[in-house]
C-alpha atoms as a PDB file:
ATOM      1  CA  MET A   1     140.848  99.555  65.653  1.00  0.00           C
ATOM      2  CA  ALA A   2     139.322 102.241  67.855  1.00  0.00           C
ATOM      3  CA  THR A   3     135.601 102.758  67.639  1.00  0.00           C
ATOM      4  CA  VAL A   4     134.117 105.899  69.134  1.00  0.00           C
ATOM      5  CA  LEU A   5     130.527 107.017  69.427  1.00  0.00           C
ATOM      6  CA  SER A   6     129.425 109.489  66.793  1.00  0.00           C
ATOM      7  CA  VAL A   7     127.793 112.806  67.599  1.00  0.00           C
ATOM      8  CA  HIS A   8     124.434 111.331  66.573  1.00  0.00           C
ATOM      9  CA  ASP A   9     124.963 108.318  68.845  1.00  0.00           C
ATOM     10  CA  ARG A  10     125.847 110.548  71.776  1.00  0.00           C
ATOM     11  CA  ARG A  11     122.749 112.684  71.253  1.00  0.00           C
ATOM     12  CA  LEU A  12     120.567 109.596  71.095  1.00  0.00           C
ATOM     13  CA  LEU A  13     122.076 108.193  74.288  1.00  0.00           C
ATOM     14  CA  THR A  14     121.583 111.551  75.991  1.00  0.00           C
ATOM     15  CA  ALA A  15     117.919 111.562  74.966  1.00  0.00           C
ATOM     16  CA  VAL A  16     117.425 107.984  76.217  1.00  0.00           C
ATOM     17  CA  ASN A  17     119.167 108.810  79.477  1.00  0.00           C
ATOM     18  CA  SER A  18     117.078 111.934  80.041  1.00  0.00           C
ATOM     19  CA  GLY A  19     113.825 110.181  79.115  1.00  0.00           C
ATOM     20  CA  ALA A  20     114.407 107.126  81.319  1.00  0.00           C
ATOM     21  CA  SER A  21     115.636 109.257  84.221  1.00  0.00           C
ATOM     22  CA  SER A  22     112.599 111.518  83.889  1.00  0.00           C
ATOM     23  CA  LEU A  23     110.276 108.521  84.258  1.00  0.00           C
ATOM     24  CA  SER A  24     112.186 107.400  87.340  1.00  0.00           C
ATOM     25  CA  PHE A  25     112.094 110.913  88.755  1.00  0.00           C
ATOM     26  CA  VAL A  26     108.322 111.086  88.343  1.00  0.00           C
ATOM     27  CA  GLY A  27     107.775 107.574  89.754  1.00  0.00           C
ATOM     28  CA  SER A  28     109.996 107.989  92.811  1.00  0.00           C
ATOM     29  CA  GLY A  29     108.778 111.550  93.341  1.00  0.00           C
ATOM     30  CA  PHE A  30     105.215 110.249  93.426  1.00  0.00           C
ATOM     31  CA  ILE A  31     106.086 107.851  96.272  1.00  0.00           C
ATOM     32  CA  VAL A  32     107.836 110.659  98.165  1.00  0.00           C
ATOM     33  CA  LEU A  33     104.738 112.820  97.707  1.00  0.00           C
ATOM     34  CA  CYS A  34     102.415 110.058  98.921  1.00  0.00           C
ATOM     35  CA  TYR A  35     104.524 109.547 102.038  1.00  0.00           C
ATOM     36  CA  SER A  36     104.448 113.278 102.738  1.00  0.00           C
ATOM     37  CA  LEU A  37     100.685 113.628 102.234  1.00  0.00           C
ATOM     38  CA  PHE A  38      99.265 110.433 103.749  1.00  0.00           C
ATOM     39  CA  LYS A  39      99.929 110.069 107.474  1.00  0.00           C
ATOM     40  CA  GLU A  40      98.756 106.455 107.542  1.00  0.00           C
ATOM     41  CA  LEU A  41     101.758 105.503 105.372  1.00  0.00           C
ATOM     42  CA  ARG A  42     104.293 106.780 107.880  1.00  0.00           C
ATOM     43  CA  LYS A  43     105.078 103.406 109.389  1.00  0.00           C
ATOM     44  CA  PHE A  44     108.629 102.208 109.744  1.00  0.00           C
ATOM     45  CA  SER A  45     108.501  99.742 106.870  1.00  0.00           C
ATOM     46  CA  PHE A  46     107.246 102.356 104.417  1.00  0.00           C
ATOM     47  CA  LYS A  47     109.641 104.923 105.836  1.00  0.00           C
ATOM     48  CA  LEU A  48     112.438 102.781 104.410  1.00  0.00           C
ATOM     49  CA  VAL A  49     110.643 102.821 101.049  1.00  0.00           C
ATOM     50  CA  PHE A  50     110.472 106.622 101.354  1.00  0.00           C
ATOM     51  CA  TYR A  51     114.248 106.854 101.818  1.00  0.00           C
ATOM     52  CA  LEU A  52     114.731 104.506  98.869  1.00  0.00           C
ATOM     53  CA  SER A  53     112.458 106.646  96.692  1.00  0.00           C
ATOM     54  CA  LEU A  54     114.173 109.843  97.841  1.00  0.00           C
ATOM     55  CA  SER A  55     117.557 108.421  96.831  1.00  0.00           C
ATOM     56  CA  ASP A  56     116.133 107.295  93.490  1.00  0.00           C
ATOM     57  CA  MET A  57     114.585 110.705  92.888  1.00  0.00           C
ATOM     58  CA  LEU A  58     117.862 112.536  93.502  1.00  0.00           C
ATOM     59  CA  CYS A  59     119.850 109.987  91.495  1.00  0.00           C
ATOM     60  CA  SER A  60     117.402 110.430  88.606  1.00  0.00           C
ATOM     61  CA  PHE A  61     117.504 114.211  88.903  1.00  0.00           C
ATOM     62  CA  PHE A  62     121.265 114.391  88.479  1.00  0.00           C
ATOM     63  CA  ASN A  63     121.075 111.840  85.664  1.00  0.00           C
ATOM     64  CA  MET A  64     118.626 114.147  83.906  1.00  0.00           C
ATOM     65  CA  VAL A  65     121.344 116.764  83.660  1.00  0.00           C
ATOM     66  CA  GLY A  66     122.215 114.803  80.535  1.00  0.00           C
ATOM     67  CA  ASP A  67     125.550 115.582  78.951  1.00  0.00           C
ATOM     68  CA  PRO A  68     127.101 118.571  80.756  1.00  0.00           C
ATOM     69  CA  SER A  69     130.262 120.231  79.570  1.00  0.00           C
ATOM     70  CA  LYS A  70     133.529 119.278  81.201  1.00  0.00           C
ATOM     71  CA  GLY A  71     134.416 121.129  84.323  1.00  0.00           C
ATOM     72  CA  PHE A  72     132.576 121.749  87.565  1.00  0.00           C
ATOM     73  CA  PHE A  73     129.173 120.484  86.385  1.00  0.00           C
ATOM     74  CA  CYS A  74     130.699 117.290  85.053  1.00  0.00           C
ATOM     75  CA  TYR A  75     132.361 116.578  88.395  1.00  0.00           C
ATOM     76  CA  ALA A  76     129.218 117.531  90.313  1.00  0.00           C
ATOM     77  CA  GLN A  77     127.092 115.182  88.240  1.00  0.00           C
ATOM     78  CA  GLY A  78     129.571 112.350  88.555  1.00  0.00           C
ATOM     79  CA  TYR A  79     129.838 112.537  92.345  1.00  0.00           C
ATOM     80  CA  THR A  80     126.154 113.133  93.123  1.00  0.00           C
ATOM     81  CA  THR A  81     125.014 110.386  90.756  1.00  0.00           C
ATOM     82  CA  HIS A  82     127.460 107.951  92.328  1.00  0.00           C
ATOM     83  CA  PHE A  83     126.420 108.903  95.870  1.00  0.00           C
ATOM     84  CA  PHE A  84     122.645 108.620  95.433  1.00  0.00           C
ATOM     85  CA  CYS A  85     122.713 105.530  93.201  1.00  0.00           C
ATOM     86  CA  VAL A  86     124.795 103.719  95.809  1.00  0.00           C
ATOM     87  CA  ALA A  87     122.404 104.929  98.508  1.00  0.00           C
ATOM     88  CA  SER A  88     119.482 103.581  96.474  1.00  0.00           C
ATOM     89  CA  PHE A  89     120.608  99.965  96.327  1.00  0.00           C
ATOM     90  CA  LEU A  90     121.833 100.117  99.931  1.00  0.00           C
ATOM     91  CA  TRP A  91     118.335 101.077 101.082  1.00  0.00           C
ATOM     92  CA  THR A  92     117.011  97.929  99.389  1.00  0.00           C
ATOM     93  CA  THR A  93     119.327  95.903 101.639  1.00  0.00           C
ATOM     94  CA  THR A  94     117.858  97.581 104.743  1.00  0.00           C
ATOM     95  CA  ILE A  95     114.364  96.620 103.565  1.00  0.00           C
ATOM     96  CA  ALA A  96     115.486  93.023 103.052  1.00  0.00           C
ATOM     97  CA  PHE A  97     117.236  93.027 106.441  1.00  0.00           C
ATOM     98  CA  THR A  98     114.122  94.392 108.177  1.00  0.00           C
ATOM     99  CA  LEU A  99     111.921  91.743 106.617  1.00  0.00           C
ATOM    100  CA  HIS A 100     114.326  88.946 107.497  1.00  0.00           C
ATOM    101  CA  ARG A 101     114.820  90.116 111.063  1.00  0.00           C
ATOM    102  CA  THR A 102     111.074  90.442 111.635  1.00  0.00           C
ATOM    103  CA  VAL A 103     109.758  87.351 109.851  1.00  0.00           C
ATOM    104  CA  VAL A 104     112.605  84.845 110.148  1.00  0.00           C
ATOM    105  CA  ARG A 105     114.237  85.854 113.416  1.00  0.00           C
ATOM    106  CA  HIS A 106     111.020  87.128 115.046  1.00  0.00           C
ATOM    107  CA  LYS A 107     112.683  90.305 116.329  1.00  0.00           C
ATOM    108  CA  THR A 108     110.644  93.424 117.038  1.00  0.00           C
ATOM    109  CA  ASP A 109     113.489  95.906 117.495  1.00  0.00           C
ATOM    110  CA  VAL A 110     113.883  96.978 113.865  1.00  0.00           C
ATOM    111  CA  GLU A 111     112.622 100.513 114.523  1.00  0.00           C
ATOM    112  CA  ASP A 112     115.453 100.976 116.999  1.00  0.00           C
ATOM    113  CA  LEU A 113     117.908 100.356 114.148  1.00  0.00           C
ATOM    114  CA  GLU A 114     116.851 103.358 112.046  1.00  0.00           C
ATOM    115  CA  ALA A 115     119.842 105.477 113.101  1.00  0.00           C
ATOM    116  CA  ILE A 116     122.176 102.594 112.264  1.00  0.00           C
ATOM    117  CA  PHE A 117     120.510 102.254 108.858  1.00  0.00           C
ATOM    118  CA  HIS A 118     121.150 105.936 108.135  1.00  0.00           C
ATOM    119  CA  LEU A 119     124.762 105.682 109.230  1.00  0.00           C
ATOM    120  CA  TYR A 120     125.215 102.543 107.122  1.00  0.00           C
ATOM    121  CA  VAL A 121     123.603 103.921 103.948  1.00  0.00           C
ATOM    122  CA  TRP A 122     124.761 107.532 103.907  1.00  0.00           C
ATOM    123  CA  GLY A 123     128.126 106.751 105.461  1.00  0.00           C
ATOM    124  CA  THR A 124     128.925 103.959 103.011  1.00  0.00           C
ATOM    125  CA  SER A 125     127.738 106.073 100.077  1.00  0.00           C
ATOM    126  CA  LEU A 126     129.989 108.930 101.167  1.00  0.00           C
ATOM    127  CA  VAL A 127     133.024 106.684 101.666  1.00  0.00           C
ATOM    128  CA  VAL A 128     132.769 104.994  98.263  1.00  0.00           C
ATOM    129  CA  THR A 129     132.144 108.366  96.597  1.00  0.00           C
ATOM    130  CA  VAL A 130     135.288 109.809  98.174  1.00  0.00           C
ATOM    131  CA  ILE A 131     137.282 106.736  97.110  1.00  0.00           C
ATOM    132  CA  HIS A 132     135.725 107.094  93.672  1.00  0.00           C
ATOM    133  CA  SER A 133     137.278 110.559  93.426  1.00  0.00           C
ATOM    134  CA  ILE A 134     140.772 108.996  93.319  1.00  0.00           C
ATOM    135  CA  GLY A 135     142.329 110.044  90.051  1.00  0.00           C
ATOM    136  CA  ASN A 136     139.206 112.142  89.504  1.00  0.00           C
ATOM    137  CA  ASP A 137     139.462 112.469  85.751  1.00  0.00           C
ATOM    138  CA  HIS A 138     135.770 112.299  84.926  1.00  0.00           C
ATOM    139  CA  THR A 139     134.908 111.680  81.342  1.00  0.00           C
ATOM    140  CA  HIS A 140     131.759 111.515  79.253  1.00  0.00           C
ATOM    141  CA  PHE A 141     130.720 107.879  79.303  1.00  0.00           C
ATOM    142  CA  GLY A 142     128.153 107.725  76.514  1.00  0.00           C
ATOM    143  CA  ALA A 143     125.624 110.199  77.880  1.00  0.00           C
ATOM    144  CA  TRP A 144     126.853 111.563  81.198  1.00  0.00           C
ATOM    145  CA  CYS A 145     129.965 112.299  83.207  1.00  0.00           C
ATOM    146  CA  TRP A 146     129.596 109.334  85.514  1.00  0.00           C
ATOM    147  CA  GLY A 147     132.744 107.516  84.497  1.00  0.00           C
ATOM    148  CA  GLN A 148     136.503 107.886  84.621  1.00  0.00           C
ATOM    149  CA  ALA A 149     139.261 107.811  82.058  1.00  0.00           C
ATOM    150  CA  GLY A 150     142.320 105.602  82.448  1.00  0.00           C
ATOM    151  CA  ARG A 151     142.514 102.015  83.648  1.00  0.00           C
ATOM    152  CA  THR A 152     143.070 103.003  87.277  1.00  0.00           C
ATOM    153  CA  GLY A 153     140.047 105.307  87.303  1.00  0.00           C
ATOM    154  CA  LYS A 154     137.858 102.684  85.636  1.00  0.00           C
ATOM    155  CA  ALA A 155     138.991 100.037  88.110  1.00  0.00           C
ATOM    156  CA  VAL A 156     138.212 102.341  91.042  1.00  0.00           C
ATOM    157  CA  HIS A 157     134.809 103.126  89.558  1.00  0.00           C
ATOM    158  CA  PHE A 158     134.038  99.427  89.214  1.00  0.00           C
ATOM    159  CA  ILE A 159     135.217  98.604  92.735  1.00  0.00           C
ATOM    160  CA  THR A 160     133.334 101.475  94.388  1.00  0.00           C
ATOM    161  CA  PHE A 161     130.030 100.897  92.619  1.00  0.00           C
ATOM    162  CA  TYR A 162     129.572  97.563  90.872  1.00  0.00           C
ATOM    163  CA  VAL A 163     131.240  95.412  93.533  1.00  0.00           C
ATOM    164  CA  PRO A 164     128.976  96.667  96.366  1.00  0.00           C
ATOM    165  CA  LEU A 165     126.019  96.624  93.942  1.00  0.00           C
ATOM    166  CA  TRP A 166     126.384  92.914  93.210  1.00  0.00           C
ATOM    167  CA  GLY A 167     127.052  92.294  96.884  1.00  0.00           C
ATOM    168  CA  ALA A 168     123.683  93.918  97.617  1.00  0.00           C
ATOM    169  CA  ILE A 169     122.024  91.808  94.916  1.00  0.00           C
ATOM    170  CA  LEU A 170     123.410  88.597  96.397  1.00  0.00           C
ATOM    171  CA  TYR A 171     122.431  89.629  99.929  1.00  0.00           C
ATOM    172  CA  ASN A 172     118.880  90.551  98.891  1.00  0.00           C
ATOM    173  CA  GLY A 173     118.452  87.356  96.938  1.00  0.00           C
ATOM    174  CA  PHE A 174     119.668  85.174  99.805  1.00  0.00           C
ATOM    175  CA  THR A 175     117.547  87.063 102.337  1.00  0.00           C
ATOM    176  CA  TYR A 176     114.319  86.868 100.340  1.00  0.00           C
ATOM    177  CA  PHE A 177     114.993  83.199  99.648  1.00  0.00           C
ATOM    178  CA  GLN A 178     115.167  82.508 103.396  1.00  0.00           C
ATOM    179  CA  VAL A 179     111.983  84.473 104.084  1.00  0.00           C
ATOM    180  CA  ILE A 180     109.995  82.780 101.328  1.00  0.00           C
ATOM    181  CA  ARG A 181     111.296  79.344 102.316  1.00  0.00           C
ATOM    182  CA  MET A 182     110.205  79.893 105.901  1.00  0.00           C
ATOM    183  CA  LEU A 183     106.733  81.002 104.864  1.00  0.00           C
ATOM    184  CA  ASN A 184     106.402  78.058 102.503  1.00  0.00           C
ATOM    185  CA  ASN A 185     107.273  75.740 105.390  1.00  0.00           C
ATOM    186  CA  ALA A 186     104.659  77.484 107.523  1.00  0.00           C
ATOM    187  CA  THR A 187     102.102  76.939 104.788  1.00  0.00           C
ATOM    188  CA  ARG A 188     102.864  73.217 104.588  1.00  0.00           C
ATOM    189  CA  MET A 189     102.548  72.942 108.358  1.00  0.00           C
ATOM    190  CA  ALA A 190      99.200  74.722 108.240  1.00  0.00           C
ATOM    191  CA  VAL A 191      97.850  72.094 105.856  1.00  0.00           C
ATOM    192  CA  GLY A 192      97.884  69.562 108.676  1.00  0.00           C
ATOM    193  CA  ILE A 193      96.034  71.890 111.023  1.00  0.00           C
ATOM    194  CA  SER A 194      92.267  71.878 111.084  1.00  0.00           C
ATOM    195  CA  ASP A 195      92.105  75.630 111.597  1.00  0.00           C
ATOM    196  CA  ARG A 196      91.093  76.787 108.156  1.00  0.00           C
ATOM    197  CA  ALA A 197      91.779  80.423 109.016  1.00  0.00           C
ATOM    198  CA  SER A 198      95.423  79.602 109.718  1.00  0.00           C
ATOM    199  CA  GLN A 199      95.740  77.892 106.342  1.00  0.00           C
ATOM    200  CA  VAL A 200      94.255  80.828 104.481  1.00  0.00           C
ATOM    201  CA  ASP A 201      96.428  83.247 106.442  1.00  0.00           C
ATOM    202  CA  SER A 202      99.593  81.349 105.573  1.00  0.00           C
ATOM    203  CA  ARG A 203      98.679  81.100 101.894  1.00  0.00           C
ATOM    204  CA  THR A 204      97.959  84.803 101.606  1.00  0.00           C
ATOM    205  CA  ASP A 205     101.189  85.664 103.449  1.00  0.00           C
ATOM    206  CA  THR A 206     103.171  83.474 101.074  1.00  0.00           C
ATOM    207  CA  LYS A 207     101.421  84.944  98.055  1.00  0.00           C
ATOM    208  CA  ALA A 208     102.201  88.453  99.263  1.00  0.00           C
ATOM    209  CA  LEU A 209     105.878  87.680  99.789  1.00  0.00           C
ATOM    210  CA  ASN A 210     106.536  85.462  96.776  1.00  0.00           C
ATOM    211  CA  ARG A 211     106.615  88.541  94.576  1.00  0.00           C
ATOM    212  CA  TRP A 212     109.302  89.981  96.855  1.00  0.00           C
ATOM    213  CA  GLY A 213     111.576  87.277  95.552  1.00  0.00           C
ATOM    214  CA  TYR A 214     111.617  89.153  92.270  1.00  0.00           C
ATOM    215  CA  TYR A 215     112.899  92.372  93.853  1.00  0.00           C
ATOM    216  CA  PRO A 216     116.604  91.498  93.392  1.00  0.00           C
ATOM    217  CA  LEU A 217     115.811  91.155  89.680  1.00  0.00           C
ATOM    218  CA  ILE A 218     115.183  94.908  89.583  1.00  0.00           C
ATOM    219  CA  LEU A 219     118.824  95.609  90.389  1.00  0.00           C
ATOM    220  CA  ILE A 220     119.983  92.873  88.036  1.00  0.00           C
ATOM    221  CA  GLY A 221     117.849  94.183  85.188  1.00  0.00           C
ATOM    222  CA  SER A 222     118.907  97.765  85.850  1.00  0.00           C
ATOM    223  CA  TRP A 223     122.649  97.189  86.063  1.00  0.00           C
ATOM    224  CA  ALA A 224     123.499  93.979  84.192  1.00  0.00           C
ATOM    225  CA  PHE A 225     124.164  95.779  80.906  1.00  0.00           C
ATOM    226  CA  GLY A 226     126.054  98.512  82.735  1.00  0.00           C
ATOM    227  CA  THR A 227     128.287  95.925  84.372  1.00  0.00           C
ATOM    228  CA  ILE A 228     128.998  94.233  81.047  1.00  0.00           C
ATOM    229  CA  ASN A 229     129.638  97.609  79.428  1.00  0.00           C
ATOM    230  CA  ARG A 230     132.146  98.629  82.115  1.00  0.00           C
ATOM    231  CA  ILE A 231     134.003  95.316  81.891  1.00  0.00           C
ATOM    232  CA  HIS A 232     134.115  95.603  78.095  1.00  0.00           C
ATOM    233  CA  ASP A 233     135.335  99.201  78.293  1.00  0.00           C
ATOM    234  CA  PHE A 234     138.081  98.160  80.692  1.00  0.00           C
ATOM    235  CA  ILE A 235     139.257  95.330  78.447  1.00  0.00           C
ATOM    236  CA  GLU A 236     138.872  97.227  75.152  1.00  0.00           C
ATOM    237  CA  PRO A 237     138.895 100.923  76.047  1.00  0.00           C
ATOM    238  CA  GLY A 238     139.049 102.093  72.465  1.00  0.00           C
ATOM    239  CA  HIS A 239     136.079 100.086  71.226  1.00  0.00           C
ATOM    240  CA  LYS A 240     132.592 101.341  72.031  1.00  0.00           C
ATOM    241  CA  ILE A 241     129.499  99.224  71.331  1.00  0.00           C
ATOM    242  CA  PHE A 242     126.499 101.468  70.714  1.00  0.00           C
ATOM    243  CA  TRP A 243     123.743  98.933  71.411  1.00  0.00           C
ATOM    244  CA  LEU A 244     125.389  97.939  74.698  1.00  0.00           C
ATOM    245  CA  SER A 245     125.683 101.586  75.733  1.00  0.00           C
ATOM    246  CA  PHE A 246     122.046 102.069  74.710  1.00  0.00           C
ATOM    247  CA  LEU A 247     120.854  99.243  76.964  1.00  0.00           C
ATOM    248  CA  ASP A 248     123.202 100.380  79.724  1.00  0.00           C
ATOM    249  CA  VAL A 249     121.839 103.929  79.749  1.00  0.00           C
ATOM    250  CA  GLY A 250     118.204 102.927  79.317  1.00  0.00           C
ATOM    251  CA  THR A 251     117.980 100.232  81.992  1.00  0.00           C
ATOM    252  CA  ALA A 252     120.057 102.131  84.555  1.00  0.00           C
ATOM    253  CA  GLY A 253     117.912 105.208  84.089  1.00  0.00           C
ATOM    254  CA  LEU A 254     114.729 103.216  84.770  1.00  0.00           C
ATOM    255  CA  MET A 255     115.848 101.826  88.129  1.00  0.00           C
ATOM    256  CA  GLY A 256     113.931 104.469  90.068  1.00  0.00           C
ATOM    257  CA  LEU A 257     110.741 103.739  88.156  1.00  0.00           C
ATOM    258  CA  PHE A 258     111.070  99.997  88.752  1.00  0.00           C
ATOM    259  CA  ASN A 259     111.676 100.545  92.475  1.00  0.00           C
ATOM    260  CA  SER A 260     108.740 102.918  92.828  1.00  0.00           C
ATOM    261  CA  ILE A 261     106.381 100.388  91.248  1.00  0.00           C
ATOM    262  CA  ALA A 262     107.685  97.321  93.104  1.00  0.00           C
ATOM    263  CA  TYR A 263     108.393  98.773  96.539  1.00  0.00           C
ATOM    264  CA  GLY A 264     106.258 101.881  96.660  1.00  0.00           C
ATOM    265  CA  LEU A 265     103.042 101.309  94.745  1.00  0.00           C
ATOM    266  CA  ASN A 266     101.715  98.687  97.140  1.00  0.00           C
ATOM    267  CA  ALA A 267      98.211  98.089  98.470  1.00  0.00           C
ATOM    268  CA  SER A 268      98.689 100.606 101.288  1.00  0.00           C
ATOM    269  CA  VAL A 269      99.439 103.391  98.824  1.00  0.00           C
ATOM    270  CA  ARG A 270      96.643 102.366  96.474  1.00  0.00           C
ATOM    271  CA  ARG A 271      94.228 102.261  99.391  1.00  0.00           C
ATOM    272  CA  ALA A 272      95.232 105.755 100.555  1.00  0.00           C
ATOM    273  CA  ILE A 273      94.839 107.160  97.047  1.00  0.00           C
ATOM    274  CA  TYR A 274      91.489 105.421  96.551  1.00  0.00           C
ATOM    275  CA  GLU A 275      90.129 106.768  99.839  1.00  0.00           C
ATOM    276  CA  ARG A 276      91.046 110.336  98.857  1.00  0.00           C
ATOM    277  CA  LEU A 277      89.502 109.967  95.430  1.00  0.00           C
ATOM    278  CA  GLU A 278      86.424 108.407  96.998  1.00  0.00           C
ATOM    279  CA  LEU A 279      85.832 111.641  98.905  1.00  0.00           C
ATOM    280  CA  PHE A 280      85.476 113.538  95.631  1.00  0.00           C
ATOM    281  CA  TRP A 281      83.959 110.999  93.215  1.00  0.00           C
ATOM    282  CA  PRO A 282      82.363 108.220  95.309  1.00  0.00           C
ATOM    283  CA  GLU A 283      79.662 107.265  92.805  1.00  0.00           C
ATOM    284  CA  ARG A 284      81.985 107.290  89.813  1.00  0.00           C
ATOM    285  CA  LEU A 285      84.578 105.126  91.567  1.00  0.00           C
ATOM    286  CA  GLN A 286      81.929 102.631  92.645  1.00  0.00           C
ATOM    287  CA  ARG A 287      80.783 102.402  89.044  1.00  0.00           C
ATOM    288  CA  TRP A 288      84.306 102.014  87.662  1.00  0.00           C
ATOM    289  CA  PHE A 289      85.607  99.669  90.387  1.00  0.00           C
ATOM    290  CA  PRO A 290      82.620  97.816  91.849  1.00  0.00           C
ATOM    291  CA  ASN A 291      84.745  95.109  93.520  1.00  0.00           C
ATOM    292  CA  SER A 292      87.508  97.329  94.843  1.00  0.00           C
ATOM    293  CA  THR A 293      86.051  97.791  98.322  1.00  0.00           C
ATOM    294  CA  LYS A 294      85.869  94.046  98.894  1.00  0.00           C
ATOM    295  CA  HIS A 295      89.516  93.475  98.015  1.00  0.00           C
ATOM    296  CA  ARG A 296      91.081  96.548  99.603  1.00  0.00           C
ATOM    297  CA  ASN A 297      91.139  95.263 103.167  1.00  0.00           C
ATOM    298  CA  GLN A 298      92.520  91.879 102.140  1.00  0.00           C
ATOM    299  CA  GLN A 299      95.294  93.491 100.092  1.00  0.00           C
ATOM    300  CA  GLN A 300      96.087  95.842 102.921  1.00  0.00           C
ATOM    301  CA  GLN A 301      96.641  92.908 105.274  1.00  0.00           C
ATOM    302  CA  ASN A 302      98.779  91.029 102.767  1.00  0.00           C
ATOM    303  CA  GLU A 303     101.335  93.854 102.356  1.00  0.00           C
ATOM    304  CA  LEU A 304     104.487  93.810 104.479  1.00  0.00           C
ATOM    305  CA  VAL A 305     103.987  90.844 106.779  1.00  0.00           C
ATOM    306  CA  ALA A 306     106.533  92.367 109.108  1.00  0.00           C
ATOM    307  CA  LEU A 307     104.011  94.953 110.195  1.00  0.00           C
ATOM    308  CA  LYS A 308     101.818  92.280 111.750  1.00  0.00           C
ATOM    309  CA  ILE A 309     104.407  91.627 114.391  1.00  0.00           C
ATOM    310  CA  GLN A 310     105.468  95.243 114.804  1.00  0.00           C
ATOM    311  CA  ASP A 311     101.938  96.570 115.261  1.00  0.00           C
ATOM    312  CA  GLN A 312     101.320  94.184 118.171  1.00  0.00           C
ATOM    313  CA  HIS A 313     103.884  96.030 120.261  1.00  0.00           C
END
């Protein structure tokens, strides 16, 4: 028995999609603004975060279109959303690659790879978007036009988005695992060394990078329900599950916000913002955050261990 979403369900999904995408747009836009305003953030490692946030911001913007009518705007939303969402998770793989190449392989040539990163991200996004246009019969999938009718179209959509997405998740997870394992080994080696400074350095490096192990969970949390929903829709195309579509739309729309908090709102950004605010309200900030000055420098050094090697050259 076919089960379709009611008009009320569609309106609710549209509202959830617009609300979640708006939060992601604001979050990623904030990181883009910080990169544009604060010159001290324009290092290579944060430049990759800037490109990630820019992709998230544009992906969120086109998601905020909501539920356009069929026709040109439906196609435009479908293609642009696909392109920038693919670009978003591909930029996370360049960040993982940069960290691995710098920390594990001790290479200092990552800045020379920027052009290759652009070719890889934008080129791959364009190719999969063009392939995605095969049988381009876009349909309203719950709250937006980012979906295709017919089994062939749905299969192409899955292959051109969810297959590379989960490939990126596996790559990021494996890469961060190697980085964290290496730093943990360095910490254990430092225990047998009398140099206390080396031990503290290793522990703080490990503490700073352990949270990076959770970064692949952002993609998993953002797209797990969407993956399940697409598989279910392929198997039972006439049966829609509202709560699954609700979680699909909500978590996917929040990806940009999650990325902006995890990747973008680091100690370097907080330090830059604090220093600007300190110019205007120094006494008030000292009263509100009496211990902030003591911890700022330590946090700054603990962010992005890769920079330690890069900045020496």
